[in-house]
C-alpha atoms as a PDB file:
ATOM      1  CA  MET A   1      88.726  43.189  30.137  1.00  0.00           C
ATOM      2  CA  HIS A   2      91.376  40.923  28.577  1.00  0.00           C
ATOM      3  CA  HIS A   3      90.593  42.322  25.119  1.00  0.00           C
ATOM      4  CA  GLU A   4      90.861  45.878  26.421  1.00  0.00           C
ATOM      5  CA  LYS A   5      94.301  45.261  27.957  1.00  0.00           C
ATOM      6  CA  THR A   6      95.537  43.620  24.754  1.00  0.00           C
ATOM      7  CA  ALA A   7      94.253  46.487  22.608  1.00  0.00           C
ATOM      8  CA  VAL A   8      95.714  49.173  24.907  1.00  0.00           C
ATOM      9  CA  LYS A   9      99.164  47.527  24.917  1.00  0.00           C
ATOM     10  CA  THR A  10      99.039  47.284  21.121  1.00  0.00           C
ATOM     11  CA  ILE A  11      98.157  50.971  20.758  1.00  0.00           C
ATOM     12  CA  TYR A  12     101.005  52.024  23.069  1.00  0.00           C
ATOM     13  CA  PHE A  13     103.302  50.059  20.786  1.00  0.00           C
ATOM     14  CA  SER A  14     101.877  51.871  17.738  1.00  0.00           C
ATOM     15  CA  ILE A  15     102.284  55.316  19.311  1.00  0.00           C
ATOM     16  CA  LEU A  16     105.905  54.710  20.312  1.00  0.00           C
ATOM     17  CA  SER A  17     106.767  53.110  16.966  1.00  0.00           C
ATOM     18  CA  SER A  18     105.226  55.936  14.918  1.00  0.00           C
ATOM     19  CA  ALA A  19     106.844  58.647  17.057  1.00  0.00           C
ATOM     20  CA  VAL A  20     110.344  57.176  16.680  1.00  0.00           C
ATOM     21  CA  LEU A  21     109.941  56.574  12.946  1.00  0.00           C
ATOM     22  CA  ALA A  22     108.493  60.054  12.365  1.00  0.00           C
ATOM     23  CA  LEU A  23     111.599  61.595  13.945  1.00  0.00           C
ATOM     24  CA  ILE A  24     113.926  59.405  11.861  1.00  0.00           C
ATOM     25  CA  LYS A  25     112.041  60.247   8.660  1.00  0.00           C
ATOM     26  CA  TRP A  26     112.012  64.004   9.336  1.00  0.00           C
ATOM     27  CA  LEU A  27     115.767  64.057   9.957  1.00  0.00           C
ATOM     28  CA  ALA A  28     116.574  61.771   7.002  1.00  0.00           C
ATOM     29  CA  GLY A  29     114.223  63.684   4.686  1.00  0.00           C
ATOM     30  CA  VAL A  30     115.563  67.134   5.542  1.00  0.00           C
ATOM     31  CA  PHE A  31     119.257  66.242   5.544  1.00  0.00           C
ATOM     32  CA  GLY A  32     118.932  63.681   2.739  1.00  0.00           C
ATOM     33  CA  HIS A  33     117.040  66.092   0.416  1.00  0.00           C
ATOM     34  CA  SER A  34     114.092  63.698  -0.025  1.00  0.00           C
ATOM     35  CA  TYR A  35     110.550  65.044  -0.093  1.00  0.00           C
ATOM     36  CA  ALA A  36     109.194  61.486  -0.330  1.00  0.00           C
ATOM     37  CA  LEU A  37     110.749  60.827   3.079  1.00  0.00           C
ATOM     38  CA  ILE A  38     109.354  64.078   4.439  1.00  0.00           C
ATOM     39  CA  ALA A  39     105.913  63.041   3.106  1.00  0.00           C
ATOM     40  CA  ASP A  40     106.411  59.755   4.893  1.00  0.00           C
ATOM     41  CA  ALA A  41     107.268  61.657   8.067  1.00  0.00           C
ATOM     42  CA  ILE A  42     104.065  63.691   7.787  1.00  0.00           C
ATOM     43  CA  GLU A  43     102.026  60.502   7.705  1.00  0.00           C
ATOM     44  CA  SER A  44     103.896  59.004  10.663  1.00  0.00           C
ATOM     45  CA  THR A  45     103.295  62.189  12.640  1.00  0.00           C
ATOM     46  CA  THR A  46      99.548  61.989  11.969  1.00  0.00           C
ATOM     47  CA  ASP A  47      99.764  58.299  12.949  1.00  0.00           C
ATOM     48  CA  VAL A  48     100.838  59.352  16.444  1.00  0.00           C
ATOM     49  CA  VAL A  49      97.779  61.606  16.768  1.00  0.00           C
ATOM     50  CA  SER A  50      95.366  59.061  15.301  1.00  0.00           C
ATOM     51  CA  SER A  51      96.747  56.227  17.480  1.00  0.00           C
ATOM     52  CA  THR A  52      96.216  58.439  20.524  1.00  0.00           C
ATOM     53  CA  LEU A  53      92.593  58.881  19.423  1.00  0.00           C
ATOM     54  CA  VAL A  54      92.271  55.102  19.037  1.00  0.00           C
ATOM     55  CA  LEU A  55      93.641  54.664  22.569  1.00  0.00           C
ATOM     56  CA  PHE A  56      90.980  57.037  23.903  1.00  0.00           C
ATOM     57  CA  GLY A  57      88.283  55.207  21.920  1.00  0.00           C
ATOM     58  CA  ILE A  58      89.273  51.767  23.206  1.00  0.00           C
ATOM     59  CA  LYS A  59      89.360  52.920  26.836  1.00  0.00           C
ATOM     60  CA  TYR A  60      86.039  54.744  26.527  1.00  0.00           C
ATOM     61  CA  SER A  61      84.337  51.862  24.699  1.00  0.00           C
ATOM     62  CA  SER A  62      85.275  49.500  27.543  1.00  0.00           C
ATOM     63  CA  LYS A  63      83.323  51.505  30.122  1.00  0.00           C
ATOM     64  CA  PRO A  64      80.505  49.387  31.596  1.00  0.00           C
ATOM     65  CA  ALA A  65      76.892  49.965  30.608  1.00  0.00           C
ATOM     66  CA  ASP A  66      74.957  52.557  32.612  1.00  0.00           C
ATOM     67  CA  SER A  67      71.430  53.992  32.738  1.00  0.00           C
ATOM     68  CA  ASP A  68      72.149  56.343  29.828  1.00  0.00           C
ATOM     69  CA  HIS A  69      73.973  53.700  27.754  1.00  0.00           C
ATOM     70  CA  PRO A  70      72.322  50.326  28.472  1.00  0.00           C
ATOM     71  CA  TYR A  71      74.228  48.682  25.604  1.00  0.00           C
ATOM     72  CA  GLY A  72      77.573  50.056  26.747  1.00  0.00           C
ATOM     73  CA  HIS A  73      79.849  52.592  25.049  1.00  0.00           C
ATOM     74  CA  GLY A  74      81.208  50.434  22.221  1.00  0.00           C
ATOM     75  CA  ARG A  75      79.881  52.576  19.375  1.00  0.00           C
ATOM     76  CA  ILE A  76      82.601  55.145  20.103  1.00  0.00           C
ATOM     77  CA  GLU A  77      85.036  52.809  18.285  1.00  0.00           C
ATOM     78  CA  PRO A  78      83.743  53.270  14.705  1.00  0.00           C
ATOM     79  CA  LEU A  79      83.319  56.999  15.404  1.00  0.00           C
ATOM     80  CA  ILE A  80      87.002  57.173  16.354  1.00  0.00           C
ATOM     81  CA  THR A  81      87.766  55.225  13.174  1.00  0.00           C
ATOM     82  CA  PHE A  82      86.036  57.980  11.171  1.00  0.00           C
ATOM     83  CA  LEU A  83      88.311  60.545  12.851  1.00  0.00           C
ATOM     84  CA  VAL A  84      91.360  58.410  12.036  1.00  0.00           C
ATOM     85  CA  VAL A  85      90.263  58.296   8.387  1.00  0.00           C
ATOM     86  CA  GLY A  86      89.887  62.072   8.496  1.00  0.00           C
ATOM     87  CA  PHE A  87      93.491  62.450   9.665  1.00  0.00           C
ATOM     88  CA  LEU A  88      94.647  60.151   6.872  1.00  0.00           C
ATOM     89  CA  ILE A  89      92.761  62.169   4.248  1.00  0.00           C
ATOM     90  CA  VAL A  90      94.255  65.432   5.526  1.00  0.00           C
ATOM     91  CA  SER A  91      97.783  63.990   5.494  1.00  0.00           C
ATOM     92  CA  ALA A  92      97.263  62.628   1.954  1.00  0.00           C
ATOM     93  CA  ILE A  93      96.100  66.042   0.718  1.00  0.00           C
ATOM     94  CA  ILE A  94      99.082  67.797   2.343  1.00  0.00           C
ATOM     95  CA  ILE A  95     101.490  65.291   0.803  1.00  0.00           C
ATOM     96  CA  ALA A  96      99.880  65.625  -2.658  1.00  0.00           C
ATOM     97  CA  VAL A  97      99.880  69.444  -2.635  1.00  0.00           C
ATOM     98  CA  HIS A  98     103.539  69.675  -1.639  1.00  0.00           C
ATOM     99  CA  ALA A  99     104.539  66.914  -4.076  1.00  0.00           C
ATOM    100  CA  ILE A 100     102.876  68.728  -7.003  1.00  0.00           C
ATOM    101  CA  LYS A 101     104.563  71.963  -5.955  1.00  0.00           C
ATOM    102  CA  ASN A 102     107.989  70.272  -5.730  1.00  0.00           C
ATOM    103  CA  ILE A 103     107.628  68.541  -9.095  1.00  0.00           C
ATOM    104  CA  ASN A 104     107.809  71.983 -10.723  1.00  0.00           C
ATOM    105  CA  THR A 105     110.622  73.234  -8.458  1.00  0.00           C
ATOM    106  CA  PRO A 106     114.292  72.393  -9.184  1.00  0.00           C
ATOM    107  CA  HIS A 107     116.019  70.755  -6.211  1.00  0.00           C
ATOM    108  CA  GLN A 108     118.912  68.512  -5.247  1.00  0.00           C
ATOM    109  CA  LEU A 109     119.108  64.772  -5.771  1.00  0.00           C
ATOM    110  CA  PRO A 110     118.297  62.718  -2.658  1.00  0.00           C
ATOM    111  CA  ARG A 111     121.217  61.256  -0.717  1.00  0.00           C
ATOM    112  CA  ALA A 112     121.969  57.554  -1.227  1.00  0.00           C
ATOM    113  CA  TYR A 113     121.906  56.730   2.478  1.00  0.00           C
ATOM    114  CA  THR A 114     118.171  57.490   2.577  1.00  0.00           C
ATOM    115  CA  LEU A 115     117.618  54.151   0.825  1.00  0.00           C
ATOM    116  CA  ILE A 116     119.191  52.259   3.733  1.00  0.00           C
ATOM    117  CA  ILE A 117     116.973  54.107   6.188  1.00  0.00           C
ATOM    118  CA  LEU A 118     113.891  53.397   4.065  1.00  0.00           C
ATOM    119  CA  ALA A 119     114.680  49.687   3.805  1.00  0.00           C
ATOM    120  CA  GLY A 120     114.736  49.427   7.601  1.00  0.00           C
ATOM    121  CA  ILE A 121     111.514  51.442   7.903  1.00  0.00           C
ATOM    122  CA  ILE A 122     109.689  49.265   5.351  1.00  0.00           C
ATOM    123  CA  ALA A 123     110.647  46.065   7.191  1.00  0.00           C
ATOM    124  CA  TRP A 124     109.651  47.463  10.592  1.00  0.00           C
ATOM    125  CA  LYS A 125     106.324  48.847   9.378  1.00  0.00           C
ATOM    126  CA  GLU A 126     105.324  45.557   7.760  1.00  0.00           C
ATOM    127  CA  ILE A 127     106.154  43.717  10.994  1.00  0.00           C
ATOM    128  CA  SER A 128     104.101  46.308  12.902  1.00  0.00           C
ATOM    129  CA  PHE A 129     101.149  45.848  10.526  1.00  0.00           C
ATOM    130  CA  ARG A 130     101.128  42.076  10.988  1.00  0.00           C
ATOM    131  CA  LEU A 131     101.321  42.397  14.770  1.00  0.00           C
ATOM    132  CA  VAL A 132      98.545  44.998  15.086  1.00  0.00           C
ATOM    133  CA  ILE A 133      96.197  43.333  12.550  1.00  0.00           C
ATOM    134  CA  LYS A 134      96.574  40.064  14.480  1.00  0.00           C
ATOM    135  CA  LYS A 135      95.629  41.821  17.721  1.00  0.00           C
ATOM    136  CA  SER A 136      92.678  43.553  16.011  1.00  0.00           C
ATOM    137  CA  LYS A 137      91.271  40.147  15.042  1.00  0.00           C
ATOM    138  CA  GLU A 138      91.817  38.791  18.556  1.00  0.00           C
ATOM    139  CA  THR A 139      89.984  41.735  20.134  1.00  0.00           C
ATOM    140  CA  ASN A 140      87.341  42.390  17.405  1.00  0.00           C
ATOM    141  CA  SER A 141      88.441  46.042  17.397  1.00  0.00           C
ATOM    142  CA  THR A 142      87.533  48.134  14.337  1.00  0.00           C
ATOM    143  CA  SER A 143      89.704  51.069  15.413  1.00  0.00           C
ATOM    144  CA  LEU A 144      92.664  48.759  16.055  1.00  0.00           C
ATOM    145  CA  ARG A 145      92.221  47.431  12.524  1.00  0.00           C
ATOM    146  CA  ALA A 146      92.314  51.018  11.251  1.00  0.00           C
ATOM    147  CA  ASP A 147      95.524  51.554  13.211  1.00  0.00           C
ATOM    148  CA  ALA A 148      97.018  48.422  11.640  1.00  0.00           C
ATOM    149  CA  TRP A 149      96.289  49.793   8.176  1.00  0.00           C
ATOM    150  CA  HIS A 150      98.137  52.944   9.167  1.00  0.00           C
ATOM    151  CA  HIS A 151     101.248  50.779   9.473  1.00  0.00           C
ATOM    152  CA  ARG A 152     100.580  49.066   6.139  1.00  0.00           C
ATOM    153  CA  SER A 153      99.977  52.369   4.312  1.00  0.00           C
ATOM    154  CA  ASP A 154     103.147  53.720   5.912  1.00  0.00           C
ATOM    155  CA  ALA A 155     105.059  50.714   4.561  1.00  0.00           C
ATOM    156  CA  ILE A 156     103.626  51.283   1.081  1.00  0.00           C
ATOM    157  CA  THR A 157     104.484  54.990   1.085  1.00  0.00           C
ATOM    158  CA  SER A 158     108.008  54.059   2.172  1.00  0.00           C
ATOM    159  CA  ILE A 159     108.236  51.590  -0.725  1.00  0.00           C
ATOM    160  CA  ALA A 160     107.083  54.349  -3.092  1.00  0.00           C
ATOM    161  CA  ALA A 161     109.741  56.655  -1.639  1.00  0.00           C
ATOM    162  CA  PHE A 162     112.380  53.911  -2.041  1.00  0.00           C
ATOM    163  CA  VAL A 163     111.485  53.446  -5.713  1.00  0.00           C
ATOM    164  CA  GLY A 164     111.384  57.187  -6.383  1.00  0.00           C
ATOM    165  CA  ILE A 165     114.747  57.842  -4.732  1.00  0.00           C
ATOM    166  CA  SER A 166     116.301  54.857  -6.526  1.00  0.00           C
ATOM    167  CA  ILE A 167     115.137  56.167  -9.916  1.00  0.00           C
ATOM    168  CA  ALA A 168     116.445  59.650  -9.115  1.00  0.00           C
ATOM    169  CA  LEU A 169     119.847  58.305  -8.033  1.00  0.00           C
ATOM    170  CA  ILE A 170     120.226  55.831 -10.919  1.00  0.00           C
ATOM    171  CA  LEU A 171     119.162  58.234 -13.700  1.00  0.00           C
ATOM    172  CA  GLY A 172     120.846  61.240 -12.098  1.00  0.00           C
ATOM    173  CA  LYS A 173     120.411  64.934 -12.843  1.00  0.00           C
ATOM    174  CA  GLY A 174     117.096  65.814 -14.459  1.00  0.00           C
ATOM    175  CA  PHE A 175     115.238  63.042 -12.637  1.00  0.00           C
ATOM    176  CA  GLU A 176     115.149  64.637  -9.186  1.00  0.00           C
ATOM    177  CA  GLN A 177     111.352  64.817  -9.494  1.00  0.00           C
ATOM    178  CA  ALA A 178     111.054  61.016  -9.365  1.00  0.00           C
ATOM    179  CA  ASP A 179     111.170  61.383  -5.592  1.00  0.00           C
ATOM    180  CA  ASP A 180     108.212  63.783  -5.703  1.00  0.00           C
ATOM    181  CA  TRP A 181     106.204  61.571  -8.066  1.00  0.00           C
ATOM    182  CA  ALA A 182     106.706  58.781  -5.513  1.00  0.00           C
ATOM    183  CA  ALA A 183     105.272  61.036  -2.794  1.00  0.00           C
ATOM    184  CA  LEU A 184     102.263  61.808  -5.029  1.00  0.00           C
ATOM    185  CA  PHE A 185     101.662  58.101  -5.605  1.00  0.00           C
ATOM    186  CA  ALA A 186     101.856  57.560  -1.847  1.00  0.00           C
ATOM    187  CA  ALA A 187      99.136  60.193  -1.317  1.00  0.00           C
ATOM    188  CA  VAL A 188      96.802  58.434  -3.771  1.00  0.00           C
ATOM    189  CA  PHE A 189      97.413  55.088  -2.081  1.00  0.00           C
ATOM    190  CA  ILE A 190      96.657  56.583   1.340  1.00  0.00           C
ATOM    191  CA  LEU A 191      93.297  57.824   0.019  1.00  0.00           C
ATOM    192  CA  TYR A 192      92.517  54.328  -1.260  1.00  0.00           C
ATOM    193  CA  ASN A 193      93.300  52.883   2.162  1.00  0.00           C
ATOM    194  CA  CYS A 194      90.953  55.449   3.682  1.00  0.00           C
ATOM    195  CA  TYR A 195      88.063  53.778   1.874  1.00  0.00           C
ATOM    196  CA  LEU A 196      89.180  50.302   3.034  1.00  0.00           C
ATOM    197  CA  ILE A 197      89.209  51.500   6.651  1.00  0.00           C
ATOM    198  CA  PHE A 198      86.028  53.595   6.441  1.00  0.00           C
ATOM    199  CA  ARG A 199      83.750  50.965   4.861  1.00  0.00           C
ATOM    200  CA  PRO A 200      83.732  48.367   7.714  1.00  0.00           C
ATOM    201  CA  ALA A 201      83.323  51.104  10.342  1.00  0.00           C
ATOM    202  CA  LEU A 202      80.303  52.478   8.459  1.00  0.00           C
ATOM    203  CA  GLY A 203      78.843  48.969   8.309  1.00  0.00           C
ATOM    204  CA  GLU A 204      79.239  48.664  12.085  1.00  0.00           C
ATOM    205  CA  ILE A 205      77.433  51.954  12.721  1.00  0.00           C
ATOM    206  CA  MET A 206      74.623  50.903  10.355  1.00  0.00           C
ATOM    207  CA  ASP A 207      74.299  47.401  11.909  1.00  0.00           C
ATOM    208  CA  GLU A 208      75.128  45.841   8.553  1.00  0.00           C
ATOM    209  CA  HIS A 209      74.642  42.069   8.323  1.00  0.00           C
ATOM    210  CA  THR A 210      78.221  40.751   8.138  1.00  0.00           C
ATOM    211  CA  HIS A 211      78.302  38.048  10.823  1.00  0.00           C
ATOM    212  CA  ASP A 212      77.100  34.871   9.066  1.00  0.00           C
ATOM    213  CA  GLU A 213      79.846  32.700  10.564  1.00  0.00           C
ATOM    214  CA  MET A 214      79.031  33.837  14.106  1.00  0.00           C
ATOM    215  CA  ILE A 215      75.291  33.291  13.539  1.00  0.00           C
ATOM    216  CA  CYS A 216      75.954  29.726  12.367  1.00  0.00           C
ATOM    217  CA  GLN A 217      78.036  29.070  15.487  1.00  0.00           C
ATOM    218  CA  ILE A 218      75.298  30.462  17.738  1.00  0.00           C
ATOM    219  CA  ARG A 219      72.637  28.303  16.048  1.00  0.00           C
ATOM    220  CA  GLU A 220      74.781  25.165  16.396  1.00  0.00           C
ATOM    221  CA  ILE A 221      75.320  25.778  20.101  1.00  0.00           C
ATOM    222  CA  ALA A 222      71.588  26.447  20.596  1.00  0.00           C
ATOM    223  CA  LYS A 223      70.517  23.235  18.862  1.00  0.00           C
ATOM    224  CA  LYS A 224      72.810  21.207  21.135  1.00  0.00           C
ATOM    225  CA  THR A 225      71.170  22.684  24.230  1.00  0.00           C
ATOM    226  CA  GLU A 226      68.640  20.388  25.912  1.00  0.00           C
ATOM    227  CA  GLY A 227      65.046  21.487  25.359  1.00  0.00           C
ATOM    228  CA  ILE A 228      65.666  23.515  22.191  1.00  0.00           C
ATOM    229  CA  ILE A 229      64.068  22.098  19.055  1.00  0.00           C
ATOM    230  CA  ASP A 230      65.393  24.679  16.594  1.00  0.00           C
ATOM    231  CA  THR A 231      66.240  28.362  16.175  1.00  0.00           C
ATOM    232  CA  GLU A 232      64.412  31.043  14.236  1.00  0.00           C
ATOM    233  CA  LYS A 233      65.621  34.633  13.951  1.00  0.00           C
ATOM    234  CA  CYS A 234      69.162  35.504  14.942  1.00  0.00           C
ATOM    235  CA  PHE A 235      70.510  39.048  14.710  1.00  0.00           C
ATOM    236  CA  VAL A 236      74.020  40.217  15.599  1.00  0.00           C
ATOM    237  CA  ARG A 237      75.210  43.780  16.111  1.00  0.00           C
ATOM    238  CA  LYS A 238      78.761  44.816  16.927  1.00  0.00           C
ATOM    239  CA  ALA A 239      79.565  47.510  19.483  1.00  0.00           C
ATOM    240  CA  GLY A 240      83.250  48.109  20.152  1.00  0.00           C
ATOM    241  CA  MET A 241      84.927  44.801  20.899  1.00  0.00           C
ATOM    242  CA  GLN A 242      81.687  43.061  21.923  1.00  0.00           C
ATOM    243  CA  PHE A 243      78.653  41.647  20.101  1.00  0.00           C
ATOM    244  CA  HIS A 244      74.964  41.923  21.059  1.00  0.00           C
ATOM    245  CA  ILE A 245      72.683  39.030  20.127  1.00  0.00           C
ATOM    246  CA  ASP A 246      68.925  38.767  19.515  1.00  0.00           C
ATOM    247  CA  LEU A 247      67.965  35.097  19.189  1.00  0.00           C
ATOM    248  CA  HIS A 248      64.600  33.323  18.836  1.00  0.00           C
ATOM    249  CA  ILE A 249      64.554  29.687  19.964  1.00  0.00           C
ATOM    250  CA  ILE A 250      61.803  27.119  19.369  1.00  0.00           C
ATOM    251  CA  VAL A 251      60.785  24.859  22.267  1.00  0.00           C
ATOM    252  CA  ASN A 252      57.977  22.430  23.055  1.00  0.00           C
ATOM    253  CA  GLY A 253      54.778  24.471  23.281  1.00  0.00           C
ATOM    254  CA  GLU A 254      53.448  22.285  26.103  1.00  0.00           C
ATOM    255  CA  ILE A 255      56.124  23.211  28.660  1.00  0.00           C
ATOM    256  CA  THR A 256      55.588  25.861  31.330  1.00  0.00           C
ATOM    257  CA  VAL A 257      56.806  29.457  31.181  1.00  0.00           C
ATOM    258  CA  ARG A 258      59.289  28.619  33.968  1.00  0.00           C
ATOM    259  CA  GLU A 259      60.703  25.697  31.969  1.00  0.00           C
ATOM    260  CA  GLY A 260      61.029  27.899  28.866  1.00  0.00           C
ATOM    261  CA  HIS A 261      62.812  30.541  30.934  1.00  0.00           C
ATOM    262  CA  ASP A 262      65.228  27.949  32.359  1.00  0.00           C
ATOM    263  CA  ILE A 263      66.087  26.671  28.870  1.00  0.00           C
ATOM    264  CA  ALA A 264      66.805  30.220  27.642  1.00  0.00           C
ATOM    265  CA  HIS A 265      68.888  30.973  30.740  1.00  0.00           C
ATOM    266  CA  ARG A 266      70.874  27.749  30.295  1.00  0.00           C
ATOM    267  CA  LEU A 267      71.583  28.592  26.638  1.00  0.00           C
ATOM    268  CA  LYS A 268      72.716  32.101  27.560  1.00  0.00           C
ATOM    269  CA  GLY A 269      75.230  30.662  30.040  1.00  0.00           C
ATOM    270  CA  VAL A 270      76.627  28.267  27.420  1.00  0.00           C
ATOM    271  CA  LEU A 271      76.940  31.027  24.797  1.00  0.00           C
ATOM    272  CA  LEU A 272      78.795  33.360  27.173  1.00  0.00           C
ATOM    273  CA  LYS A 273      81.154  30.540  28.131  1.00  0.00           C
ATOM    274  CA  GLU A 274      81.914  29.322  24.607  1.00  0.00           C
ATOM    275  CA  MET A 275      81.861  32.743  22.921  1.00  0.00           C
ATOM    276  CA  PRO A 276      83.390  35.314  25.335  1.00  0.00           C
ATOM    277  CA  GLU A 277      83.176  38.029  22.677  1.00  0.00           C
ATOM    278  CA  LEU A 278      79.387  38.125  23.220  1.00  0.00           C
ATOM    279  CA  SER A 279      77.934  40.700  25.606  1.00  0.00           C
ATOM    280  CA  ASN A 280      74.161  41.291  25.745  1.00  0.00           C
ATOM    281  CA  ILE A 281      72.172  38.210  24.740  1.00  0.00           C
ATOM    282  CA  LEU A 282      68.403  38.535  24.339  1.00  0.00           C
ATOM    283  CA  ILE A 283      66.633  35.198  23.863  1.00  0.00           C
ATOM    284  CA  HIS A 284      62.969  35.025  22.822  1.00  0.00           C
ATOM    285  CA  VAL A 285      61.176  31.709  23.378  1.00  0.00           C
ATOM    286  CA  GLU A 286      58.813  30.514  20.603  1.00  0.00           C
ATOM    287  CA  PRO A 287      56.474  27.457  20.925  1.00  0.00           C
ATOM    288  CA  ASN A 288      56.579  24.818  18.243  1.00  0.00           C
ATOM    289  CA  GLU A 289      53.361  24.207  16.280  1.00  0.00           C
END
């Protein structure tokens, strides 16, 4: 519940931040004659939509398990991440198409004041990225991580726009297209970020083995528990902001079934206390030889 509240607050921050910046970019781009800024505004507008999707995903994934979903609803998170990636790809394509069109169309030089606006946007977006990525690590949220990379890609596209506008202003007439080349570069970078966001979400859906550090921690806790000789298999799968564990422990083969059950139950209690990110824990008791 704590993770859900943290994630929801973070997403509200992202939605408000992207909405305000999108408005600033649209106005500055239109009145400042900068397509790179307008391209930036397009991405920020899609950020608002994608962050709203992330908000829905986080709230839905936190619903308790039921008879139809005994492992909970956490798998909605990577699915929402796929939708977010889809929005990013669409925005990158729109930016690229318009940038290519504008490169071959004569237009005015951007206004100098757009650089001041961009400098402020770059600083704010980098701060936003660091805040959201920190919260994504705290909550183990894949979709929140995707949202953080929205902020980082926005900062990069703004840097590209800053460079393009600077070149156009410094070199003057005949170099107006530098602004559009910057927008095209931004589109390519967005597509690259799409892969960086998509890959971990795909791994989560496919139950990819990426939790070695957590498995080591679980084994160490198990070995310290009275009655456990060693551990055997240990599998971890992520669902939303929680982790499901399948663990085989080795105990004295001479003890009773009741004693084996008590040892497993005691270990489960310790794991849930020391590792609150764990949810369903299935412990199989194996006798030693």
